[in-house]
Amino acid sequence: MNQNMKEWRAGIINGHAVAAIPIMTHPGIELGGRTVREAVSDGQVHAEAVIRLSERYPSAAACTIMDLTTEAEAFGSQVVFSDEAVPAVHGRLLNSPEDISRLTVPSLSAGRIPAYLKANVLAASVIKDRPLLAGCIGPFSLAGRLYDMSDIMVLICENPTAAHELLEKCTDFILKYCMALRQTGAKGVVMAEPAAGLLSNDDCLSFSSHYVRQIVQVVQDDNFSVVLHNCGNTGHCTKAMTATGAAAYHFGNKCRMEEVIRDVPPTALAMGNIDPVSVFKDGTSDTMRQTVNDLLGRMKDYPNFVLSSGCDTPPFTPLSNIDAFFEAVEAWNGRLA
């Protein structure tokens, strides 16, 4: 797809219909009879899941898996895999500022990075009618997985120099990874930075947004967009998020979209925020339709709003609920026509 992403965003903002981009891949894995373990380890299985969903649903963009362990594993973290659940980092890689100083930035051949690059190449080669959005973790969230989330919060207070050293190394790797993702044919990347939601707005600026902005300034252009996801934000650090200059901002269900969107530039997209667990996975079709209608009603005055899940939809989300999501969007847009 050679579509200019700046024009794609403008088309959404200036169009009459509401665009919908739920962050989901797991339903595509299950549709193919494959396991989570296979999809996060095999680029072919991963790509097939993304393609399968793009064929079934009219999402305005296709998304690859939101996996918050891939980059940590590349650095050397231990990861626990399951057939039925998303991977998880086990233990911690770093225990002291001295460990941070010794830490080396890995190559893109480490861990499962090649499998994820392959998945994007394969998916982008087939999906031509909409942008493909790759996935990566954000700098602060990666640092928390390497150093331990509780201890990184202590470190930024007691030894900010060491924290910044770790964040610089994380940023170096994520930047390198994003540049490689751009070369796969993906038209953007959803950068998951949920741990930054634990920070105040000022700390989020210093320990997250400062580094995200460095990545944005290098990789984002008219043909490649960064979507900054922070489902930990309750509204308290939206201004820090938008200081990154990303093309789009993705919000979780802990915040009220009609409030956080006021801090989003009108030329950027604001995406969210239907609960991926209580509505997508555990709700009913009727609950989904009502939730979609309620949210679209509250957001009708914001043309840069894009309907989405609040985070990645989990494994075993019923297809009937996803069907209801898109049916509700179609019905809403039909009334606008």
C-alpha atoms as a PDB file:
ATOM      1  CA  MET A   1       0.000   0.000   0.000  1.00  0.00           C
ATOM      2  CA  ASN A   2       1.493   3.322  -1.056  1.00  0.00           C
ATOM      3  CA  GLN A   3      -1.093   5.522   0.597  1.00  0.00           C
ATOM      4  CA  ASN A   4       0.240   8.657   2.250  1.00  0.00           C
ATOM      5  CA  MET A   5      -0.498   8.299   5.973  1.00  0.00           C
ATOM      6  CA  LYS A   6      -0.933  12.032   6.438  1.00  0.00           C
ATOM      7  CA  GLU A   7      -3.666  11.895   3.788  1.00  0.00           C
ATOM      8  CA  TRP A   8      -5.106   8.757   5.411  1.00  0.00           C
ATOM      9  CA  ARG A   9      -5.470  10.584   8.733  1.00  0.00           C
ATOM     10  CA  ALA A  10      -6.966  13.608   7.024  1.00  0.00           C
ATOM     11  CA  GLY A  11      -9.441  11.360   5.237  1.00  0.00           C
ATOM     12  CA  ILE A  12     -10.634   9.966   8.563  1.00  0.00           C
ATOM     13  CA  ILE A  13     -10.898  13.408  10.154  1.00  0.00           C
ATOM     14  CA  ASN A  14     -12.677  15.011   7.200  1.00  0.00           C
ATOM     15  CA  GLY A  15     -14.917  12.036   6.398  1.00  0.00           C
ATOM     16  CA  HIS A  16     -18.482  11.674   7.626  1.00  0.00           C
ATOM     17  CA  ALA A  17     -18.204   8.046   8.723  1.00  0.00           C
ATOM     18  CA  VAL A  18     -16.636   6.902  11.988  1.00  0.00           C
ATOM     19  CA  ALA A  19     -13.500   4.811  11.447  1.00  0.00           C
ATOM     20  CA  ALA A  20     -12.980   1.729  13.614  1.00  0.00           C
ATOM     21  CA  ILE A  21      -9.627   0.109  14.402  1.00  0.00           C
ATOM     22  CA  PRO A  22      -9.827  -2.361  17.274  1.00  0.00           C
ATOM     23  CA  ILE A  23      -6.427  -3.636  18.401  1.00  0.00           C
ATOM     24  CA  MET A  24      -6.860  -7.347  17.834  1.00  0.00           C
ATOM     25  CA  THR A  25      -4.998 -10.337  16.464  1.00  0.00           C
ATOM     26  CA  HIS A  26      -5.925 -13.202  18.777  1.00  0.00           C
ATOM     27  CA  PRO A  27      -9.319 -13.862  17.112  1.00  0.00           C
ATOM     28  CA  GLY A  28      -7.440 -14.394  13.865  1.00  0.00           C
ATOM     29  CA  ILE A  29      -5.135 -16.893  15.552  1.00  0.00           C
ATOM     30  CA  GLU A  30      -8.118 -18.863  16.825  1.00  0.00           C
ATOM     31  CA  LEU A  31      -9.908 -18.695  13.470  1.00  0.00           C
ATOM     32  CA  GLY A  32      -6.927 -20.515  11.985  1.00  0.00           C
ATOM     33  CA  GLY A  33      -6.895 -23.149  14.700  1.00  0.00           C
ATOM     34  CA  ARG A  34      -3.470 -22.056  15.925  1.00  0.00           C
ATOM     35  CA  THR A  35      -2.174 -21.258  19.424  1.00  0.00           C
ATOM     36  CA  VAL A  36      -0.827 -18.066  20.947  1.00  0.00           C
ATOM     37  CA  ARG A  37       2.547 -19.774  21.375  1.00  0.00           C
ATOM     38  CA  GLU A  38       2.689 -20.530  17.643  1.00  0.00           C
ATOM     39  CA  ALA A  39       1.665 -17.036  16.594  1.00  0.00           C
ATOM     40  CA  VAL A  40       4.189 -15.199  18.774  1.00  0.00           C
ATOM     41  CA  SER A  41       6.989 -17.515  17.639  1.00  0.00           C
ATOM     42  CA  ASP A  42       6.274 -18.059  13.948  1.00  0.00           C
ATOM     43  CA  GLY A  43       6.016 -15.088  11.594  1.00  0.00           C
ATOM     44  CA  GLN A  44       3.963 -17.077   9.092  1.00  0.00           C
ATOM     45  CA  VAL A  45       1.302 -18.020  11.658  1.00  0.00           C
ATOM     46  CA  HIS A  46       1.277 -14.443  12.958  1.00  0.00           C
ATOM     47  CA  ALA A  47       0.826 -12.963   9.474  1.00  0.00           C
ATOM     48  CA  GLU A  48      -1.926 -15.410   8.577  1.00  0.00           C
ATOM     49  CA  ALA A  49      -3.892 -14.321  11.654  1.00  0.00           C
ATOM     50  CA  VAL A  50      -3.606 -10.647  10.714  1.00  0.00           C
ATOM     51  CA  ILE A  51      -4.595 -11.349   7.093  1.00  0.00           C
ATOM     52  CA  ARG A  52      -7.516 -13.514   8.175  1.00  0.00           C
ATOM     53  CA  LEU A  53      -8.978 -10.706  10.284  1.00  0.00           C
ATOM     54  CA  SER A  54      -8.451  -8.124   7.537  1.00  0.00           C
ATOM     55  CA  GLU A  55     -10.522 -10.317   5.232  1.00  0.00           C
ATOM     56  CA  ARG A  56     -13.324 -10.732   7.759  1.00  0.00           C
ATOM     57  CA  TYR A  57     -13.654  -7.234   9.225  1.00  0.00           C
ATOM     58  CA  PRO A  58     -13.695  -3.707   7.697  1.00  0.00           C
ATOM     59  CA  SER A  59     -11.191  -2.245  10.138  1.00  0.00           C
ATOM     60  CA  ALA A  60      -9.635   1.006   8.870  1.00  0.00           C
ATOM     61  CA  ALA A  61      -6.185  -0.491   9.564  1.00  0.00           C
ATOM     62  CA  ALA A  62      -4.795  -3.949  10.250  1.00  0.00           C
ATOM     63  CA  CYS A  63      -2.810  -4.537  13.454  1.00  0.00           C
ATOM     64  CA  THR A  64      -0.180  -7.070  14.405  1.00  0.00           C
ATOM     65  CA  ILE A  65       0.073  -8.596  17.872  1.00  0.00           C
ATOM     66  CA  MET A  66       0.639  -6.310  20.847  1.00  0.00           C
ATOM     67  CA  ASP A  67       3.388  -8.307  22.575  1.00  0.00           C
ATOM     68  CA  LEU A  68       5.134  -6.550  25.467  1.00  0.00           C
ATOM     69  CA  THR A  69       7.818  -9.227  25.852  1.00  0.00           C
ATOM     70  CA  THR A  70       9.533  -9.274  22.455  1.00  0.00           C
ATOM     71  CA  GLU A  71      12.020  -6.482  23.063  1.00  0.00           C
ATOM     72  CA  ALA A  72      12.756  -7.536  26.647  1.00  0.00           C
ATOM     73  CA  GLU A  73      13.513 -11.052  25.417  1.00  0.00           C
ATOM     74  CA  ALA A  74      15.922  -9.604  22.844  1.00  0.00           C
ATOM     75  CA  PHE A  75      17.828  -7.941  25.702  1.00  0.00           C
ATOM     76  CA  GLY A  76      18.015 -11.303  27.483  1.00  0.00           C
ATOM     77  CA  SER A  77      14.924 -11.473  29.704  1.00  0.00           C
ATOM     78  CA  GLN A  78      13.299 -14.845  30.324  1.00  0.00           C
ATOM     79  CA  VAL A  79       9.831 -15.148  28.807  1.00  0.00           C
ATOM     80  CA  VAL A  80       7.132 -17.644  29.729  1.00  0.00           C
ATOM     81  CA  PHE A  81       4.991 -18.909  26.849  1.00  0.00           C
ATOM     82  CA  SER A  82       1.562 -20.498  26.795  1.00  0.00           C
ATOM     83  CA  ASP A  83      -0.745 -21.907  24.171  1.00  0.00           C
ATOM     84  CA  GLU A  84      -3.658 -19.914  25.556  1.00  0.00           C
ATOM     85  CA  ALA A  85      -2.236 -16.707  27.102  1.00  0.00           C
ATOM     86  CA  VAL A  86      -0.020 -13.858  26.003  1.00  0.00           C
ATOM     87  CA  PRO A  87       3.703 -14.229  26.821  1.00  0.00           C
ATOM     88  CA  ALA A  88       4.978 -12.809  30.103  1.00  0.00           C
ATOM     89  CA  VAL A  89       8.416 -11.716  31.304  1.00  0.00           C
ATOM     90  CA  HIS A  90       9.641 -13.938  34.135  1.00  0.00           C
ATOM     91  CA  GLY A  91      11.882 -12.398  36.780  1.00  0.00           C
ATOM     92  CA  ARG A  92      14.163  -9.487  36.064  1.00  0.00           C
ATOM     93  CA  LEU A  93      17.270  -9.042  33.957  1.00  0.00           C
ATOM     94  CA  LEU A  94      18.827  -6.118  35.840  1.00  0.00           C
ATOM     95  CA  ASN A  95      19.312  -5.751  39.584  1.00  0.00           C
ATOM     96  CA  SER A  96      21.459  -2.645  40.023  1.00  0.00           C
ATOM     97  CA  PRO A  97      22.725   0.525  38.344  1.00  0.00           C
ATOM     98  CA  GLU A  98      25.948  -1.401  37.683  1.00  0.00           C
ATOM     99  CA  ASP A  99      23.939  -3.940  35.671  1.00  0.00           C
ATOM    100  CA  ILE A 100      22.506  -1.060  33.648  1.00  0.00           C
ATOM    101  CA  SER A 101      26.003   0.208  32.842  1.00  0.00           C
ATOM    102  CA  ARG A 102      27.025  -3.243  31.622  1.00  0.00           C
ATOM    103  CA  LEU A 103      23.896  -3.754  29.533  1.00  0.00           C
ATOM    104  CA  THR A 104      24.479  -3.888  25.787  1.00  0.00           C
ATOM    105  CA  VAL A 105      21.892  -2.997  23.156  1.00  0.00           C
ATOM    106  CA  PRO A 106      21.053  -6.188  21.212  1.00  0.00           C
ATOM    107  CA  SER A 107      20.942  -6.654  17.463  1.00  0.00           C
ATOM    108  CA  LEU A 108      17.744  -7.185  15.493  1.00  0.00           C
ATOM    109  CA  SER A 109      18.643 -10.858  15.134  1.00  0.00           C
ATOM    110  CA  ALA A 110      18.066 -11.464  18.852  1.00  0.00           C
ATOM    111  CA  GLY A 111      15.129 -13.460  20.221  1.00  0.00           C
ATOM    112  CA  ARG A 112      11.896 -13.373  18.263  1.00  0.00           C
ATOM    113  CA  ILE A 113      12.558 -10.037  16.553  1.00  0.00           C
ATOM    114  CA  PRO A 114      13.179 -11.756  13.169  1.00  0.00           C
ATOM    115  CA  ALA A 115       9.850 -13.596  13.477  1.00  0.00           C
ATOM    116  CA  TYR A 116       8.010 -10.321  14.063  1.00  0.00           C
ATOM    117  CA  LEU A 117       9.744  -8.604  11.152  1.00  0.00           C
ATOM    118  CA  LYS A 118       8.788 -11.586   8.984  1.00  0.00           C
ATOM    119  CA  ALA A 119       5.158 -11.338  10.101  1.00  0.00           C
ATOM    120  CA  ASN A 120       5.016  -7.696   9.035  1.00  0.00           C
ATOM    121  CA  VAL A 121       6.652  -8.386   5.679  1.00  0.00           C
ATOM    122  CA  LEU A 122       4.193 -11.183   4.914  1.00  0.00           C
ATOM    123  CA  ALA A 123       1.117  -9.302   6.111  1.00  0.00           C
ATOM    124  CA  ALA A 124       2.071  -6.090   4.279  1.00  0.00           C
ATOM    125  CA  SER A 125       2.603  -8.040   1.064  1.00  0.00           C
ATOM    126  CA  VAL A 126      -1.018  -9.243   1.123  1.00  0.00           C
ATOM    127  CA  ILE A 127      -2.994  -6.454   2.824  1.00  0.00           C
ATOM    128  CA  LYS A 128      -3.186  -3.683   0.248  1.00  0.00           C
ATOM    129  CA  ASP A 129      -6.524  -1.997   0.962  1.00  0.00           C
ATOM    130  CA  ARG A 130      -5.606  -0.449   4.324  1.00  0.00           C
ATOM    131  CA  PRO A 131      -2.502   0.411   6.360  1.00  0.00           C
ATOM    132  CA  LEU A 132      -0.751  -2.260   8.393  1.00  0.00           C
ATOM    133  CA  LEU A 133       0.201  -1.115  11.898  1.00  0.00           C
ATOM    134  CA  ALA A 134       3.094  -2.998  13.463  1.00  0.00           C
ATOM    135  CA  GLY A 135       3.656  -3.145  17.217  1.00  0.00           C
ATOM    136  CA  CYS A 136       6.426  -2.339  19.658  1.00  0.00           C
ATOM    137  CA  ILE A 137       6.859  -1.507  23.327  1.00  0.00           C
ATOM    138  CA  GLY A 138       7.612   1.981  24.645  1.00  0.00           C
ATOM    139  CA  PRO A 139      10.902   2.927  26.360  1.00  0.00           C
ATOM    140  CA  PHE A 140       9.651   3.258  29.935  1.00  0.00           C
ATOM    141  CA  SER A 141       7.584   0.080  29.762  1.00  0.00           C
ATOM    142  CA  LEU A 142      10.614  -1.808  28.424  1.00  0.00           C
ATOM    143  CA  ALA A 143      12.824  -0.394  31.170  1.00  0.00           C
ATOM    144  CA  GLY A 144      10.309  -1.579  33.757  1.00  0.00           C
ATOM    145  CA  ARG A 145      10.379  -5.092  32.372  1.00  0.00           C
ATOM    146  CA  LEU A 146      14.168  -5.195  32.451  1.00  0.00           C
ATOM    147  CA  TYR A 147      14.624  -3.638  35.906  1.00  0.00           C
ATOM    148  CA  ASP A 148      11.315  -4.588  37.607  1.00  0.00           C
ATOM    149  CA  MET A 149       8.363  -2.242  37.482  1.00  0.00           C
ATOM    150  CA  SER A 150       8.324  -1.380  41.183  1.00  0.00           C
ATOM    151  CA  ASP A 151      12.070  -0.813  41.341  1.00  0.00           C
ATOM    152  CA  ILE A 152      12.186   1.391  38.243  1.00  0.00           C
ATOM    153  CA  MET A 153       9.744   3.705  40.032  1.00  0.00           C
ATOM    154  CA  VAL A 154      12.185   3.889  42.931  1.00  0.00           C
ATOM    155  CA  LEU A 155      15.163   4.305  40.614  1.00  0.00           C
ATOM    156  CA  ILE A 156      13.779   7.387  38.869  1.00  0.00           C
ATOM    157  CA  CYS A 157      13.549   9.065  42.273  1.00  0.00           C
ATOM    158  CA  GLU A 158      16.763   7.854  43.897  1.00  0.00           C
ATOM    159  CA  ASN A 159      19.082   7.533  40.893  1.00  0.00           C
ATOM    160  CA  PRO A 160      17.619   9.332  37.878  1.00  0.00           C
ATOM    161  CA  THR A 161      20.997   9.252  36.122  1.00  0.00           C
ATOM    162  CA  ALA A 162      20.936   5.452  36.044  1.00  0.00           C
ATOM    163  CA  ALA A 163      17.287   5.481  34.987  1.00  0.00           C
ATOM    164  CA  HIS A 164      18.072   7.763  32.068  1.00  0.00           C
ATOM    165  CA  GLU A 165      21.003   5.555  31.071  1.00  0.00           C
ATOM    166  CA  LEU A 166      18.666   2.561  30.916  1.00  0.00           C
ATOM    167  CA  LEU A 167      16.043   4.535  29.005  1.00  0.00           C
ATOM    168  CA  GLU A 168      18.642   5.651  26.474  1.00  0.00           C
ATOM    169  CA  LYS A 169      19.580   2.032  25.789  1.00  0.00           C
ATOM    170  CA  CYS A 170      15.942   1.005  25.526  1.00  0.00           C
ATOM    171  CA  THR A 171      15.282   3.884  23.151  1.00  0.00           C
ATOM    172  CA  ASP A 172      18.269   2.991  20.987  1.00  0.00           C
ATOM    173  CA  PHE A 173      16.904  -0.498  20.479  1.00  0.00           C
ATOM    174  CA  ILE A 174      13.276   0.513  19.945  1.00  0.00           C
ATOM    175  CA  LEU A 175      14.351   3.123  17.397  1.00  0.00           C
ATOM    176  CA  LYS A 176      16.382   0.535  15.527  1.00  0.00           C
ATOM    177  CA  TYR A 177      13.436  -1.865  15.625  1.00  0.00           C
ATOM    178  CA  CYS A 178      10.960   0.769  14.393  1.00  0.00           C
ATOM    179  CA  MET A 179      13.225   1.640  11.492  1.00  0.00           C
ATOM    180  CA  ALA A 180      13.284  -2.043  10.527  1.00  0.00           C
ATOM    181  CA  LEU A 181       9.497  -2.284  10.885  1.00  0.00           C
ATOM    182  CA  ARG A 182       9.129   0.663   8.531  1.00  0.00           C
ATOM    183  CA  GLN A 183      11.159  -1.233   5.953  1.00  0.00           C
ATOM    184  CA  THR A 184       8.781  -4.215   6.088  1.00  0.00           C
ATOM    185  CA  GLY A 185       5.980  -2.300   4.391  1.00  0.00           C
ATOM    186  CA  ALA A 186       4.096  -1.509   7.581  1.00  0.00           C
ATOM    187  CA  LYS A 187       2.659   1.996   7.492  1.00  0.00           C
ATOM    188  CA  GLY A 188       2.922   2.674  11.198  1.00  0.00           C
ATOM    189  CA  VAL A 189       3.588   1.259  14.621  1.00  0.00           C
ATOM    190  CA  VAL A 190       1.429   1.051  17.740  1.00  0.00           C
ATOM    191  CA  MET A 191       3.890   1.807  20.533  1.00  0.00           C
ATOM    192  CA  ALA A 192       2.599   0.341  23.801  1.00  0.00           C
ATOM    193  CA  GLU A 193       3.709   2.460  26.761  1.00  0.00           C
ATOM    194  CA  PRO A 194       1.217   1.508  29.493  1.00  0.00           C
ATOM    195  CA  ALA A 195       3.722   1.760  32.360  1.00  0.00           C
ATOM    196  CA  ALA A 196       4.014   5.491  31.718  1.00  0.00           C
ATOM    197  CA  GLY A 197       0.503   5.763  33.107  1.00  0.00           C
ATOM    198  CA  LEU A 198       2.004   5.131  36.545  1.00  0.00           C
ATOM    199  CA  LEU A 199       3.881   8.431  36.302  1.00  0.00           C
ATOM    200  CA  SER A 200       2.772  11.982  36.959  1.00  0.00           C
ATOM    201  CA  ASN A 201       2.508  14.224  33.922  1.00  0.00           C
ATOM    202  CA  ASP A 202       5.907  15.805  34.678  1.00  0.00           C
ATOM    203  CA  ASP A 203       7.625  12.447  35.213  1.00  0.00           C
ATOM    204  CA  CYS A 204       5.930  11.076  32.133  1.00  0.00           C
ATOM    205  CA  LEU A 205       7.444  13.940  30.164  1.00  0.00           C
ATOM    206  CA  SER A 206      10.929  13.232  31.547  1.00  0.00           C
ATOM    207  CA  PHE A 207      11.032   9.441  31.615  1.00  0.00           C
ATOM    208  CA  SER A 208       8.751   8.491  28.727  1.00  0.00           C
ATOM    209  CA  SER A 209       7.693  11.233  26.337  1.00  0.00           C
ATOM    210  CA  HIS A 210      11.204  12.656  25.992  1.00  0.00           C
ATOM    211  CA  TYR A 211      12.366   9.312  24.634  1.00  0.00           C
ATOM    212  CA  VAL A 212       9.260   8.513  22.600  1.00  0.00           C
ATOM    213  CA  ARG A 213       9.635  11.875  20.897  1.00  0.00           C
ATOM    214  CA  GLN A 214      13.182  10.975  19.852  1.00  0.00           C
ATOM    215  CA  ILE A 215      11.809   7.909  18.077  1.00  0.00           C
ATOM    216  CA  VAL A 216       8.905   9.838  16.542  1.00  0.00           C
ATOM    217  CA  GLN A 217      11.226  12.484  15.146  1.00  0.00           C
ATOM    218  CA  VAL A 218      13.275   9.861  13.301  1.00  0.00           C
ATOM    219  CA  VAL A 219      10.723   7.335  12.046  1.00  0.00           C
ATOM    220  CA  GLN A 220       7.502   9.293  11.568  1.00  0.00           C
ATOM    221  CA  ASP A 221       6.874  10.969   8.232  1.00  0.00           C
ATOM    222  CA  ASP A 222       4.059  11.284   5.698  1.00  0.00           C
ATOM    223  CA  ASN A 223       4.302   7.544   4.986  1.00  0.00           C
ATOM    224  CA  PHE A 224       4.772   6.127   8.486  1.00  0.00           C
ATOM    225  CA  SER A 225       2.843   6.999  11.648  1.00  0.00           C
ATOM    226  CA  VAL A 226       3.445   6.373  15.331  1.00  0.00           C
ATOM    227  CA  VAL A 227       0.365   5.524  17.397  1.00  0.00           C
ATOM    228  CA  LEU A 228       1.207   6.014  21.079  1.00  0.00           C
ATOM    229  CA  HIS A 229      -0.798   3.665  23.310  1.00  0.00           C
ATOM    230  CA  ASN A 230      -1.035   4.270  27.058  1.00  0.00           C
ATOM    231  CA  CYS A 231      -3.848   2.326  28.711  1.00  0.00           C
ATOM    232  CA  GLY A 232      -2.447   3.277  32.135  1.00  0.00           C
ATOM    233  CA  ASN A 233      -3.372   6.912  31.574  1.00  0.00           C
ATOM    234  CA  THR A 234      -6.521   7.938  33.434  1.00  0.00           C
ATOM    235  CA  GLY A 235      -6.341  11.413  31.927  1.00  0.00           C
ATOM    236  CA  HIS A 236      -3.588  12.715  34.181  1.00  0.00           C
ATOM    237  CA  CYS A 237      -0.748  12.446  31.638  1.00  0.00           C
ATOM    238  CA  THR A 238      -2.453  13.065  28.309  1.00  0.00           C
ATOM    239  CA  LYS A 239      -0.549  16.323  27.857  1.00  0.00           C
ATOM    240  CA  ALA A 240       2.717  14.439  28.280  1.00  0.00           C
ATOM    241  CA  MET A 241       1.573  11.899  25.696  1.00  0.00           C
ATOM    242  CA  THR A 242       0.782  14.557  23.119  1.00  0.00           C
ATOM    243  CA  ALA A 243       4.165  16.224  23.702  1.00  0.00           C
ATOM    244  CA  THR A 244       5.686  13.327  21.764  1.00  0.00           C
ATOM    245  CA  GLY A 245       4.334  14.588  18.450  1.00  0.00           C
ATOM    246  CA  ALA A 246       2.890  11.185  17.528  1.00  0.00           C
ATOM    247  CA  ALA A 247       0.351  11.016  14.725  1.00  0.00           C
ATOM    248  CA  ALA A 248      -2.236   9.238  16.885  1.00  0.00           C
ATOM    249  CA  TYR A 249      -2.934   8.494  20.545  1.00  0.00           C
ATOM    250  CA  HIS A 250      -4.581   5.312  21.779  1.00  0.00           C
ATOM    251  CA  PHE A 251      -6.363   5.370  25.135  1.00  0.00           C
ATOM    252  CA  GLY A 252      -7.470   2.649  27.529  1.00  0.00           C
ATOM    253  CA  ASN A 253     -10.828   2.207  29.192  1.00  0.00           C
ATOM    254  CA  LYS A 254      -9.673   3.815  32.462  1.00  0.00           C
ATOM    255  CA  CYS A 255     -10.201   7.294  31.030  1.00  0.00           C
ATOM    256  CA  ARG A 256     -13.154   9.142  29.520  1.00  0.00           C
ATOM    257  CA  MET A 257     -12.584   9.685  25.818  1.00  0.00           C
ATOM    258  CA  GLU A 258     -14.639  12.864  25.696  1.00  0.00           C
ATOM    259  CA  GLU A 259     -12.275  14.391  28.261  1.00  0.00           C
ATOM    260  CA  VAL A 260      -8.840  13.198  27.103  1.00  0.00           C
ATOM    261  CA  ILE A 261      -9.523  14.065  23.459  1.00  0.00           C
ATOM    262  CA  ARG A 262      -9.582  17.735  24.420  1.00  0.00           C
ATOM    263  CA  ASP A 263      -5.813  17.549  24.919  1.00  0.00           C
ATOM    264  CA  VAL A 264      -5.227  15.862  21.545  1.00  0.00           C
ATOM    265  CA  PRO A 265      -4.369  18.126  18.582  1.00  0.00           C
ATOM    266  CA  PRO A 266      -7.235  18.178  16.062  1.00  0.00           C
ATOM    267  CA  THR A 267      -4.868  16.987  13.328  1.00  0.00           C
ATOM    268  CA  ALA A 268      -3.953  13.848  15.319  1.00  0.00           C
ATOM    269  CA  LEU A 269      -6.187  10.829  15.832  1.00  0.00           C
ATOM    270  CA  ALA A 270      -7.555   9.910  19.264  1.00  0.00           C
ATOM    271  CA  MET A 271      -8.357   6.212  19.475  1.00  0.00           C
ATOM    272  CA  GLY A 272     -10.206   4.153  22.079  1.00  0.00           C
ATOM    273  CA  ASN A 273     -11.543   2.907  24.347  1.00  0.00           C
ATOM    274  CA  ILE A 274     -14.023   0.035  24.754  1.00  0.00           C
ATOM    275  CA  ASP A 275     -13.000  -2.324  27.552  1.00  0.00           C
ATOM    276  CA  PRO A 276     -11.239  -5.320  25.955  1.00  0.00           C
ATOM    277  CA  VAL A 277     -12.105  -7.644  28.843  1.00  0.00           C
ATOM    278  CA  SER A 278     -15.498  -6.729  30.311  1.00  0.00           C
ATOM    279  CA  VAL A 279     -17.073  -5.829  26.954  1.00  0.00           C
ATOM    280  CA  PHE A 280     -15.129  -7.509  24.144  1.00  0.00           C
ATOM    281  CA  LYS A 281     -14.316 -10.778  25.917  1.00  0.00           C
ATOM    282  CA  ASP A 282     -16.865 -11.172  28.700  1.00  0.00           C
ATOM    283  CA  GLY A 283     -19.777  -9.070  27.463  1.00  0.00           C
ATOM    284  CA  THR A 284     -22.694  -9.966  25.214  1.00  0.00           C
ATOM    285  CA  SER A 285     -23.492  -8.803  21.701  1.00  0.00           C
ATOM    286  CA  ASP A 286     -26.198  -6.538  23.102  1.00  0.00           C
ATOM    287  CA  THR A 287     -23.770  -5.074  25.622  1.00  0.00           C
ATOM    288  CA  MET A 288     -21.298  -4.391  22.825  1.00  0.00           C
ATOM    289  CA  ARG A 289     -23.870  -2.626  20.655  1.00  0.00           C
ATOM    290  CA  GLN A 290     -25.037  -0.475  23.545  1.00  0.00           C
ATOM    291  CA  THR A 291     -21.471   0.386  24.559  1.00  0.00           C
ATOM    292  CA  VAL A 292     -20.518   1.343  20.999  1.00  0.00           C
ATOM    293  CA  ASN A 293     -23.614   3.531  20.609  1.00  0.00           C
ATOM    294  CA  ASP A 294     -23.033   5.238  23.954  1.00  0.00           C
ATOM    295  CA  LEU A 295     -19.408   6.007  23.152  1.00  0.00           C
ATOM    296  CA  LEU A 296     -20.124   7.205  19.615  1.00  0.00           C
ATOM    297  CA  GLY A 297     -22.832   9.435  21.004  1.00  0.00           C
ATOM    298  CA  ARG A 298     -20.402  11.062  23.420  1.00  0.00           C
ATOM    299  CA  MET A 299     -17.740  11.475  20.715  1.00  0.00           C
ATOM    300  CA  LYS A 300     -19.929  12.748  17.868  1.00  0.00           C
ATOM    301  CA  ASP A 301     -18.462  16.254  18.058  1.00  0.00           C
ATOM    302  CA  TYR A 302     -14.857  15.079  17.604  1.00  0.00           C
ATOM    303  CA  PRO A 303     -14.033  14.252  13.968  1.00  0.00           C
ATOM    304  CA  ASN A 304     -10.550  12.991  14.891  1.00  0.00           C
ATOM    305  CA  PHE A 305     -11.986  10.218  17.064  1.00  0.00           C
ATOM    306  CA  VAL A 306     -11.399   6.608  15.972  1.00  0.00           C
ATOM    307  CA  LEU A 307     -13.376   3.852  17.682  1.00  0.00           C
ATOM    308  CA  SER A 308     -11.162   1.121  19.121  1.00  0.00           C
ATOM    309  CA  SER A 309     -10.696  -1.317  21.948  1.00  0.00           C
ATOM    310  CA  GLY A 310      -9.027   0.086  25.047  1.00  0.00           C
ATOM    311  CA  CYS A 311      -6.126  -2.334  24.598  1.00  0.00           C
ATOM    312  CA  ASP A 312      -5.344  -5.532  22.717  1.00  0.00           C
ATOM    313  CA  THR A 313      -8.372  -7.834  22.741  1.00  0.00           C
ATOM    314  CA  PRO A 314      -7.399 -10.944  24.728  1.00  0.00           C
ATOM    315  CA  PRO A 315      -7.379 -14.563  23.583  1.00  0.00           C
ATOM    316  CA  PHE A 316     -10.798 -16.229  23.293  1.00  0.00           C
ATOM    317  CA  THR A 317     -12.719 -13.033  22.630  1.00  0.00           C
ATOM    318  CA  PRO A 318     -16.015 -14.241  21.078  1.00  0.00           C
ATOM    319  CA  LEU A 319     -16.360 -13.520  17.377  1.00  0.00           C
ATOM    320  CA  SER A 320     -20.021 -12.674  18.028  1.00  0.00           C
ATOM    321  CA  ASN A 321     -18.921  -9.666  20.095  1.00  0.00           C
ATOM    322  CA  ILE A 322     -16.511  -8.479  17.410  1.00  0.00           C
ATOM    323  CA  ASP A 323     -19.265  -8.937  14.813  1.00  0.00           C
ATOM    324  CA  ALA A 324     -21.561  -6.826  17.001  1.00  0.00           C
ATOM    325  CA  PHE A 325     -18.868  -4.141  17.308  1.00  0.00           C
ATOM    326  CA  PHE A 326     -18.622  -3.693  13.550  1.00  0.00           C
ATOM    327  CA  GLU A 327     -22.390  -4.058  13.039  1.00  0.00           C
ATOM    328  CA  ALA A 328     -22.977  -1.233  15.517  1.00  0.00           C
ATOM    329  CA  VAL A 329     -20.449   0.967  13.725  1.00  0.00           C
ATOM    330  CA  GLU A 330     -22.047   0.207  10.361  1.00  0.00           C
ATOM    331  CA  ALA A 331     -25.507   1.034  11.733  1.00  0.00           C
ATOM    332  CA  TRP A 332     -24.251   4.298  13.228  1.00  0.00           C
ATOM    333  CA  ASN A 333     -22.583   5.319   9.978  1.00  0.00           C
ATOM    334  CA  GLY A 334     -25.739   4.338   8.071  1.00  0.00           C
ATOM    335  CA  ARG A 335     -27.706   6.882  10.064  1.00  0.00           C
ATOM    336  CA  LEU A 336     -25.117   9.551   9.226  1.00  0.00           C
ATOM    337  CA  ALA A 337     -25.287   8.912   5.483  1.00  0.00           C
END
